Amino acid sequence: MKNTLTNLNNYLFEQLERLNDDSLSEEELDREMKKADAIVKVSDKIIQTGELALRTIKHRDEYGYNNKTNQMPDILQLEAK
């Protein structure tokens, strides 16, 4: 898995599809539900980190920090470079 928010979003939808698989046994579904819970917890932290990076940039822009590159932090990139 690549480390972009787009890839994270795709991975979350893949997990949702696995949870919606009607052919899973009760045991397999239980395993997927536990896995999904762990994925959601980690994903929430990744999203929180991205939100912090975005707020930092907005704060910098609002208060006139002069960043000559005007480049987004890697964590906010939608696609891999």
PDB file of N, CA and C in Angstrom:
ATOM      1  N   MET A   1       0.845  -1.176   0.000  1.00  0.00           N
ATOM      2  CA  MET A   1       0.000   0.000   0.000  1.00  0.00           C
ATOM      3  C   MET A   1       0.888   1.236   0.000  1.00  0.00           C
ATOM      4  N   LYS A   2       0.595   2.171  -0.890  1.00  0.00           N
ATOM      5  CA  LYS A   2       1.324   3.430  -0.930  1.00  0.00           C
ATOM      6  C   LYS A   2       0.771   4.343   0.144  1.00  0.00           C
ATOM      7  N   ASN A   3       1.559   5.297   0.544  1.00  0.00           N
ATOM      8  CA  ASN A   3       1.191   6.149   1.667  1.00  0.00           C
ATOM      9  C   ASN A   3       0.587   7.471   1.217  1.00  0.00           C
ATOM     10  N   THR A   4      -0.577   7.419   0.602  1.00  0.00           N
ATOM     11  CA  THR A   4      -1.311   8.627   0.235  1.00  0.00           C
ATOM     12  C   THR A   4      -2.732   8.511   0.779  1.00  0.00           C
ATOM     13  N   LEU A   5      -3.389   9.639   0.897  1.00  0.00           N
ATOM     14  CA  LEU A   5      -4.777   9.620   1.372  1.00  0.00           C
ATOM     15  C   LEU A   5      -5.691   8.946   0.353  1.00  0.00           C
ATOM     16  N   THR A   6      -5.366   9.061  -0.926  1.00  0.00           N
ATOM     17  CA  THR A   6      -6.152   8.377  -1.954  1.00  0.00           C
ATOM     18  C   THR A   6      -6.057   6.869  -1.777  1.00  0.00           C
ATOM     19  N   ASN A   7      -4.836   6.375  -1.533  1.00  0.00           N
ATOM     20  CA  ASN A   7      -4.662   4.943  -1.314  1.00  0.00           C
ATOM     21  C   ASN A   7      -5.363   4.482  -0.044  1.00  0.00           C
ATOM     22  N   LEU A   8      -5.313   5.308   0.997  1.00  0.00           N
ATOM     23  CA  LEU A   8      -6.007   4.966   2.234  1.00  0.00           C
ATOM     24  C   LEU A   8      -7.504   4.839   1.972  1.00  0.00           C
ATOM     25  N   ASN A   9      -8.056   5.775   1.238  1.00  0.00           N
ATOM     26  CA  ASN A   9      -9.477   5.747   0.906  1.00  0.00           C
ATOM     27  C   ASN A   9      -9.817   4.471   0.131  1.00  0.00           C
ATOM     28  N   ASN A  10      -8.986   4.127  -0.843  1.00  0.00           N
ATOM     29  CA  ASN A  10      -9.217   2.902  -1.622  1.00  0.00           C
ATOM     30  C   ASN A  10      -9.158   1.670  -0.724  1.00  0.00           C
ATOM     31  N   TYR A  11      -8.200   1.647   0.172  1.00  0.00           N
ATOM     32  CA  TYR A  11      -8.053   0.504   1.078  1.00  0.00           C
ATOM     33  C   TYR A  11      -9.272   0.358   1.988  1.00  0.00           C
ATOM     34  N   LEU A  12      -9.798   1.483   2.458  1.00  0.00           N
ATOM     35  CA  LEU A  12     -10.996   1.435   3.310  1.00  0.00           C
ATOM     36  C   LEU A  12     -12.191   0.875   2.543  1.00  0.00           C
ATOM     37  N   PHE A  13     -12.338   1.272   1.281  1.00  0.00           N
ATOM     38  CA  PHE A  13     -13.441   0.740   0.483  1.00  0.00           C
ATOM     39  C   PHE A  13     -13.240  -0.747   0.169  1.00  0.00           C
ATOM     40  N   GLU A  14     -11.989  -1.172  -0.016  1.00  0.00           N
ATOM     41  CA  GLU A  14     -11.736  -2.599  -0.208  1.00  0.00           C
ATOM     42  C   GLU A  14     -12.153  -3.395   1.022  1.00  0.00           C
ATOM     43  N   GLN A  15     -11.856  -2.853   2.198  1.00  0.00           N
ATOM     44  CA  GLN A  15     -12.249  -3.541   3.430  1.00  0.00           C
ATOM     45  C   GLN A  15     -13.768  -3.595   3.550  1.00  0.00           C
ATOM     46  N   LEU A  16     -14.433  -2.525   3.168  1.00  0.00           N
ATOM     47  CA  LEU A  16     -15.897  -2.501   3.192  1.00  0.00           C
ATOM     48  C   LEU A  16     -16.460  -3.589   2.270  1.00  0.00           C
ATOM     49  N   GLU A  17     -15.848  -3.757   1.112  1.00  0.00           N
ATOM     50  CA  GLU A  17     -16.294  -4.812   0.192  1.00  0.00           C
ATOM     51  C   GLU A  17     -16.098  -6.197   0.808  1.00  0.00           C
ATOM     52  N   ARG A  18     -14.971  -6.389   1.511  1.00  0.00           N
ATOM     53  CA  ARG A  18     -14.750  -7.689   2.167  1.00  0.00           C
ATOM     54  C   ARG A  18     -15.812  -7.939   3.239  1.00  0.00           C
ATOM     55  N   LEU A  19     -16.188  -6.903   3.961  1.00  0.00           N
ATOM     56  CA  LEU A  19     -17.214  -7.064   4.995  1.00  0.00           C
ATOM     57  C   LEU A  19     -18.578  -7.383   4.381  1.00  0.00           C
ATOM     58  N   ASN A  20     -18.789  -6.958   3.165  1.00  0.00           N
ATOM     59  CA  ASN A  20     -20.077  -7.142   2.503  1.00  0.00           C
ATOM     60  C   ASN A  20     -20.133  -8.453   1.711  1.00  0.00           C
ATOM     61  N   ASP A  21     -19.113  -9.268   1.810  1.00  0.00           N
ATOM     62  CA  ASP A  21     -19.052 -10.536   1.087  1.00  0.00           C
ATOM     63  C   ASP A  21     -19.987 -11.554   1.748  1.00  0.00           C
ATOM     64  N   ASP A  22     -21.053 -11.898   1.055  1.00  0.00           N
ATOM     65  CA  ASP A  22     -22.059 -12.821   1.595  1.00  0.00           C
ATOM     66  C   ASP A  22     -21.555 -14.256   1.711  1.00  0.00           C
ATOM     67  N   SER A  23     -20.444 -14.562   1.063  1.00  0.00           N
ATOM     68  CA  SER A  23     -19.954 -15.941   1.103  1.00  0.00           C
ATOM     69  C   SER A  23     -19.087 -16.223   2.334  1.00  0.00           C
ATOM     70  N   LEU A  24     -18.813 -15.210   3.150  1.00  0.00           N
ATOM     71  CA  LEU A  24     -17.985 -15.399   4.342  1.00  0.00           C
ATOM     72  C   LEU A  24     -18.733 -16.212   5.394  1.00  0.00           C
ATOM     73  N   SER A  25     -17.996 -17.106   6.019  1.00  0.00           N
ATOM     74  CA  SER A  25     -18.575 -17.831   7.146  1.00  0.00           C
ATOM     75  C   SER A  25     -18.651 -16.868   8.338  1.00  0.00           C
ATOM     76  N   GLU A  26     -19.337 -17.292   9.370  1.00  0.00           N
ATOM     77  CA  GLU A  26     -19.447 -16.452  10.563  1.00  0.00           C
ATOM     78  C   GLU A  26     -18.065 -16.160  11.158  1.00  0.00           C
ATOM     79  N   GLU A  27     -17.215 -17.178  11.161  1.00  0.00           N
ATOM     80  CA  GLU A  27     -15.852 -17.020  11.693  1.00  0.00           C
ATOM     81  C   GLU A  27     -15.036 -16.050  10.826  1.00  0.00           C
ATOM     82  N   GLU A  28     -15.147 -16.175   9.515  1.00  0.00           N
ATOM     83  CA  GLU A  28     -14.417 -15.277   8.606  1.00  0.00           C
ATOM     84  C   GLU A  28     -14.923 -13.840   8.732  1.00  0.00           C
ATOM     85  N   LEU A  29     -16.228 -13.688   8.855  1.00  0.00           N
ATOM     86  CA  LEU A  29     -16.805 -12.360   9.021  1.00  0.00           C
ATOM     87  C   LEU A  29     -16.336 -11.729  10.325  1.00  0.00           C
ATOM     88  N   ASP A  30     -16.300 -12.526  11.386  1.00  0.00           N
ATOM     89  CA  ASP A  30     -15.816 -12.027  12.676  1.00  0.00           C
ATOM     90  C   ASP A  30     -14.363 -11.551  12.557  1.00  0.00           C
ATOM     91  N   ARG A  31     -13.547 -12.327  11.854  1.00  0.00           N
ATOM     92  CA  ARG A  31     -12.143 -11.955  11.649  1.00  0.00           C
ATOM     93  C   ARG A  31     -12.044 -10.648  10.848  1.00  0.00           C
ATOM     94  N   GLU A  32     -12.853 -10.520   9.801  1.00  0.00           N
ATOM     95  CA  GLU A  32     -12.843  -9.302   8.989  1.00  0.00           C
ATOM     96  C   GLU A  32     -13.327  -8.088   9.789  1.00  0.00           C
ATOM     97  N   MET A  33     -14.288  -8.302  10.676  1.00  0.00           N
ATOM     98  CA  MET A  33     -14.790  -7.203  11.498  1.00  0.00           C
ATOM     99  C   MET A  33     -13.710  -6.716  12.465  1.00  0.00           C
ATOM    100  N   LYS A  34     -12.965  -7.644  13.055  1.00  0.00           N
ATOM    101  CA  LYS A  34     -11.871  -7.262  13.951  1.00  0.00           C
ATOM    102  C   LYS A  34     -10.788  -6.527  13.181  1.00  0.00           C
ATOM    103  N   LYS A  35     -10.488  -7.033  11.997  1.00  0.00           N
ATOM    104  CA  LYS A  35      -9.495  -6.391  11.152  1.00  0.00           C
ATOM    105  C   LYS A  35      -9.959  -4.986  10.752  1.00  0.00           C
ATOM    106  N   ALA A  36     -11.217  -4.846  10.393  1.00  0.00           N
ATOM    107  CA  ALA A  36     -11.765  -3.551  10.005  1.00  0.00           C
ATOM    108  C   ALA A  36     -11.689  -2.557  11.163  1.00  0.00           C
ATOM    109  N   ASP A  37     -11.958  -3.026  12.367  1.00  0.00           N
ATOM    110  CA  ASP A  37     -11.882  -2.150  13.535  1.00  0.00           C
ATOM    111  C   ASP A  37     -10.465  -1.611  13.715  1.00  0.00           C
ATOM    112  N   ALA A  38      -9.483  -2.477  13.556  1.00  0.00           N
ATOM    113  CA  ALA A  38      -8.081  -2.048  13.678  1.00  0.00           C
ATOM    114  C   ALA A  38      -7.715  -1.072  12.566  1.00  0.00           C
ATOM    115  N   ILE A  39      -8.171  -1.356  11.360  1.00  0.00           N
ATOM    116  CA  ILE A  39      -7.888  -0.477  10.220  1.00  0.00           C
ATOM    117  C   ILE A  39      -8.480   0.907  10.443  1.00  0.00           C
ATOM    118  N   VAL A  40      -9.710   0.951  10.937  1.00  0.00           N
ATOM    119  CA  VAL A  40     -10.368   2.237  11.196  1.00  0.00           C
ATOM    120  C   VAL A  40      -9.610   3.040  12.251  1.00  0.00           C
ATOM    121  N   LYS A  41      -9.153   2.382  13.296  1.00  0.00           N
ATOM    122  CA  LYS A  41      -8.416   3.086  14.352  1.00  0.00           C
ATOM    123  C   LYS A  41      -7.130   3.700  13.812  1.00  0.00           C
ATOM    124  N   VAL A  42      -6.390   2.935  13.030  1.00  0.00           N
ATOM    125  CA  VAL A  42      -5.146   3.457  12.456  1.00  0.00           C
ATOM    126  C   VAL A  42      -5.462   4.553  11.443  1.00  0.00           C
ATOM    127  N   SER A  43      -6.480   4.343  10.625  1.00  0.00           N
ATOM    128  CA  SER A  43      -6.867   5.338   9.619  1.00  0.00           C
ATOM    129  C   SER A  43      -7.243   6.664  10.261  1.00  0.00           C
ATOM    130  N   ASP A  44      -7.967   6.600  11.370  1.00  0.00           N
ATOM    131  CA  ASP A  44      -8.349   7.822  12.077  1.00  0.00           C
ATOM    132  C   ASP A  44      -7.118   8.618  12.486  1.00  0.00           C
ATOM    133  N   LYS A  45      -6.083   7.946  12.954  1.00  0.00           N
ATOM    134  CA  LYS A  45      -4.850   8.634  13.355  1.00  0.00           C
ATOM    135  C   LYS A  45      -4.149   9.245  12.151  1.00  0.00           C
ATOM    136  N   ILE A  46      -4.132   8.538  11.041  1.00  0.00           N
ATOM    137  CA  ILE A  46      -3.524   9.071   9.823  1.00  0.00           C
ATOM    138  C   ILE A  46      -4.268  10.323   9.372  1.00  0.00           C
ATOM    139  N   ILE A  47      -5.586  10.276   9.407  1.00  0.00           N
ATOM    140  CA  ILE A  47      -6.398  11.425   8.998  1.00  0.00           C
ATOM    141  C   ILE A  47      -6.187  12.595   9.953  1.00  0.00           C
ATOM    142  N   GLN A  48      -6.113  12.329  11.242  1.00  0.00           N
ATOM    143  CA  GLN A  48      -5.851  13.395  12.218  1.00  0.00           C
ATOM    144  C   GLN A  48      -4.508  14.066  11.949  1.00  0.00           C
ATOM    145  N   THR A  49      -3.511  13.276  11.594  1.00  0.00           N
ATOM    146  CA  THR A  49      -2.195  13.830  11.284  1.00  0.00           C
ATOM    147  C   THR A  49      -2.270  14.710  10.039  1.00  0.00           C
ATOM    148  N   GLY A  50      -3.000  14.270   9.033  1.00  0.00           N
ATOM    149  CA  GLY A  50      -3.196  15.070   7.823  1.00  0.00           C
ATOM    150  C   GLY A  50      -3.925  16.367   8.103  1.00  0.00           C
ATOM    151  N   GLU A  51      -4.938  16.294   8.974  1.00  0.00           N
ATOM    152  CA  GLU A  51      -5.675  17.506   9.346  1.00  0.00           C
ATOM    153  C   GLU A  51      -4.769  18.494  10.069  1.00  0.00           C
ATOM    154  N   LEU A  52      -3.890  17.998  10.920  1.00  0.00           N
ATOM    155  CA  LEU A  52      -2.947  18.860  11.619  1.00  0.00           C
ATOM    156  C   LEU A  52      -2.001  19.537  10.632  1.00  0.00           C
ATOM    157  N   ALA A  53      -1.500  18.781   9.662  1.00  0.00           N
ATOM    158  CA  ALA A  53      -0.616  19.353   8.650  1.00  0.00           C
ATOM    159  C   ALA A  53      -1.334  20.435   7.851  1.00  0.00           C
ATOM    160  N   LEU A  54      -2.585  20.184   7.497  1.00  0.00           N
ATOM    161  CA  LEU A  54      -3.365  21.164   6.744  1.00  0.00           C
ATOM    162  C   LEU A  54      -3.623  22.423   7.573  1.00  0.00           C
ATOM    163  N   ARG A  55      -3.975  22.256   8.850  1.00  0.00           N
ATOM    164  CA  ARG A  55      -4.186  23.423   9.722  1.00  0.00           C
ATOM    165  C   ARG A  55      -2.900  24.224   9.865  1.00  0.00           C
ATOM    166  N   THR A  56      -1.769  23.542   9.901  1.00  0.00           N
ATOM    167  CA  THR A  56      -0.482  24.231  10.003  1.00  0.00           C
ATOM    168  C   THR A  56      -0.248  25.101   8.776  1.00  0.00           C
ATOM    169  N   ILE A  57      -0.526  24.568   7.597  1.00  0.00           N
ATOM    170  CA  ILE A  57      -0.347  25.343   6.371  1.00  0.00           C
ATOM    171  C   ILE A  57      -1.299  26.538   6.354  1.00  0.00           C
ATOM    172  N   LYS A  58      -2.553  26.323   6.734  1.00  0.00           N
ATOM    173  CA  LYS A  58      -3.516  27.428   6.765  1.00  0.00           C
ATOM    174  C   LYS A  58      -3.058  28.510   7.737  1.00  0.00           C
ATOM    175  N   HIS A  59      -2.549  28.092   8.879  1.00  0.00           N
ATOM    176  CA  HIS A  59      -2.052  29.042   9.873  1.00  0.00           C
ATOM    177  C   HIS A  59      -0.868  29.825   9.310  1.00  0.00           C
ATOM    178  N   ARG A  60       0.045  29.138   8.667  1.00  0.00           N
ATOM    179  CA  ARG A  60       1.202  29.791   8.046  1.00  0.00           C
ATOM    180  C   ARG A  60       0.758  30.815   7.019  1.00  0.00           C
ATOM    181  N   ASP A  61      -0.196  30.420   6.159  1.00  0.00           N
ATOM    182  CA  ASP A  61      -0.694  31.334   5.125  1.00  0.00           C
ATOM    183  C   ASP A  61      -1.397  32.543   5.729  1.00  0.00           C
ATOM    184  N   GLU A  62      -2.179  32.298   6.756  1.00  0.00           N
ATOM    185  CA  GLU A  62      -2.935  33.376   7.392  1.00  0.00           C
ATOM    186  C   GLU A  62      -2.016  34.419   8.032  1.00  0.00           C
ATOM    187  N   TYR A  63      -0.905  33.964   8.600  1.00  0.00           N
ATOM    188  CA  TYR A  63      -0.026  34.882   9.308  1.00  0.00           C
ATOM    189  C   TYR A  63       1.216  35.263   8.509  1.00  0.00           C
ATOM    190  N   GLY A  64       1.190  34.980   7.215  1.00  0.00           N
ATOM    191  CA  GLY A  64       2.211  35.496   6.328  1.00  0.00           C
ATOM    192  C   GLY A  64       3.564  34.834   6.388  1.00  0.00           C
ATOM    193  N   TYR A  65       3.633  33.593   6.767  1.00  0.00           N
ATOM    194  CA  TYR A  65       4.910  32.888   6.746  1.00  0.00           C
ATOM    195  C   TYR A  65       5.364  32.792   5.301  1.00  0.00           C
ATOM    196  N   ASN A  66       6.592  33.172   5.023  1.00  0.00           N
ATOM    197  CA  ASN A  66       7.084  33.193   3.650  1.00  0.00           C
ATOM    198  C   ASN A  66       7.756  31.869   3.312  1.00  0.00           C
ATOM    199  N   ASN A  67       7.040  31.029   2.670  1.00  0.00           N
ATOM    200  CA  ASN A  67       7.577  29.749   2.217  1.00  0.00           C
ATOM    201  C   ASN A  67       7.732  29.847   0.714  1.00  0.00           C
ATOM    202  N   LYS A  68       8.956  29.956   0.244  1.00  0.00           N
ATOM    203  CA  LYS A  68       9.214  30.180  -1.173  1.00  0.00           C
ATOM    204  C   LYS A  68       8.816  28.999  -2.043  1.00  0.00           C
ATOM    205  N   THR A  69       8.805  27.818  -1.515  1.00  0.00           N
ATOM    206  CA  THR A  69       8.471  26.653  -2.339  1.00  0.00           C
ATOM    207  C   THR A  69       6.967  26.470  -2.483  1.00  0.00           C
ATOM    208  N   ASN A  70       6.187  26.928  -1.521  1.00  0.00           N
ATOM    209  CA  ASN A  70       4.728  26.754  -1.527  1.00  0.00           C
ATOM    210  C   ASN A  70       4.332  25.318  -1.831  1.00  0.00           C
ATOM    211  N   GLN A  71       5.090  24.393  -1.327  1.00  0.00           N
ATOM    212  CA  GLN A  71       4.851  22.978  -1.580  1.00  0.00           C
ATOM    213  C   GLN A  71       4.056  22.365  -0.438  1.00  0.00           C
ATOM    214  N   MET A  72       3.108  21.515  -0.794  1.00  0.00           N
ATOM    215  CA  MET A  72       2.317  20.817   0.202  1.00  0.00           C
ATOM    216  C   MET A  72       3.178  19.756   0.872  1.00  0.00           C
ATOM    217  N   PRO A  73       2.969  19.523   2.153  1.00  0.00           N
ATOM    218  CA  PRO A  73       3.682  18.425   2.814  1.00  0.00           C
ATOM    219  C   PRO A  73       3.327  17.095   2.151  1.00  0.00           C
ATOM    220  N   ASP A  74       4.263  16.161   2.161  1.00  0.00           N
ATOM    221  CA  ASP A  74       4.036  14.866   1.523  1.00  0.00           C
ATOM    222  C   ASP A  74       2.769  14.186   2.017  1.00  0.00           C
ATOM    223  N   ILE A  75       2.470  14.341   3.292  1.00  0.00           N
ATOM    224  CA  ILE A  75       1.301  13.641   3.846  1.00  0.00           C
ATOM    225  C   ILE A  75      -0.007  14.113   3.217  1.00  0.00           C
ATOM    226  N   LEU A  76      -0.026  15.332   2.663  1.00  0.00           N
ATOM    227  CA  LEU A  76      -1.243  15.858   2.060  1.00  0.00           C
ATOM    228  C   LEU A  76      -1.322  15.610   0.567  1.00  0.00           C
ATOM    229  N   GLN A  77      -0.305  15.018  -0.023  1.00  0.00           N
ATOM    230  CA  GLN A  77      -0.306  14.750  -1.447  1.00  0.00           C
ATOM    231  C   GLN A  77      -1.379  13.706  -1.759  1.00  0.00           C
ATOM    232  N   LEU A  78      -2.141  13.955  -2.817  1.00  0.00           N
ATOM    233  CA  LEU A  78      -3.181  13.003  -3.193  1.00  0.00           C
ATOM    234  C   LEU A  78      -2.605  11.815  -3.954  1.00  0.00           C
ATOM    235  N   GLU A  79      -1.574  12.020  -4.698  1.00  0.00           N
ATOM    236  CA  GLU A  79      -0.941  10.948  -5.459  1.00  0.00           C
ATOM    237  C   GLU A  79       0.529  10.910  -5.129  1.00  0.00           C
ATOM    238  N   ALA A  80       1.105   9.745  -5.250  1.00  0.00           N
ATOM    239  CA  ALA A  80       2.537   9.599  -5.002  1.00  0.00           C
ATOM    240  C   ALA A  80       3.312  10.377  -6.049  1.00  0.00           C
ATOM    241  N   LYS A  81       4.453  10.914  -5.626  1.00  0.00           N
ATOM    242  CA  LYS A  81       5.284  11.692  -6.550  1.00  0.00           C
ATOM    243  C   LYS A  81       5.918  10.790  -7.580  1.00  0.00           C
TER     244      LYS A  81
END
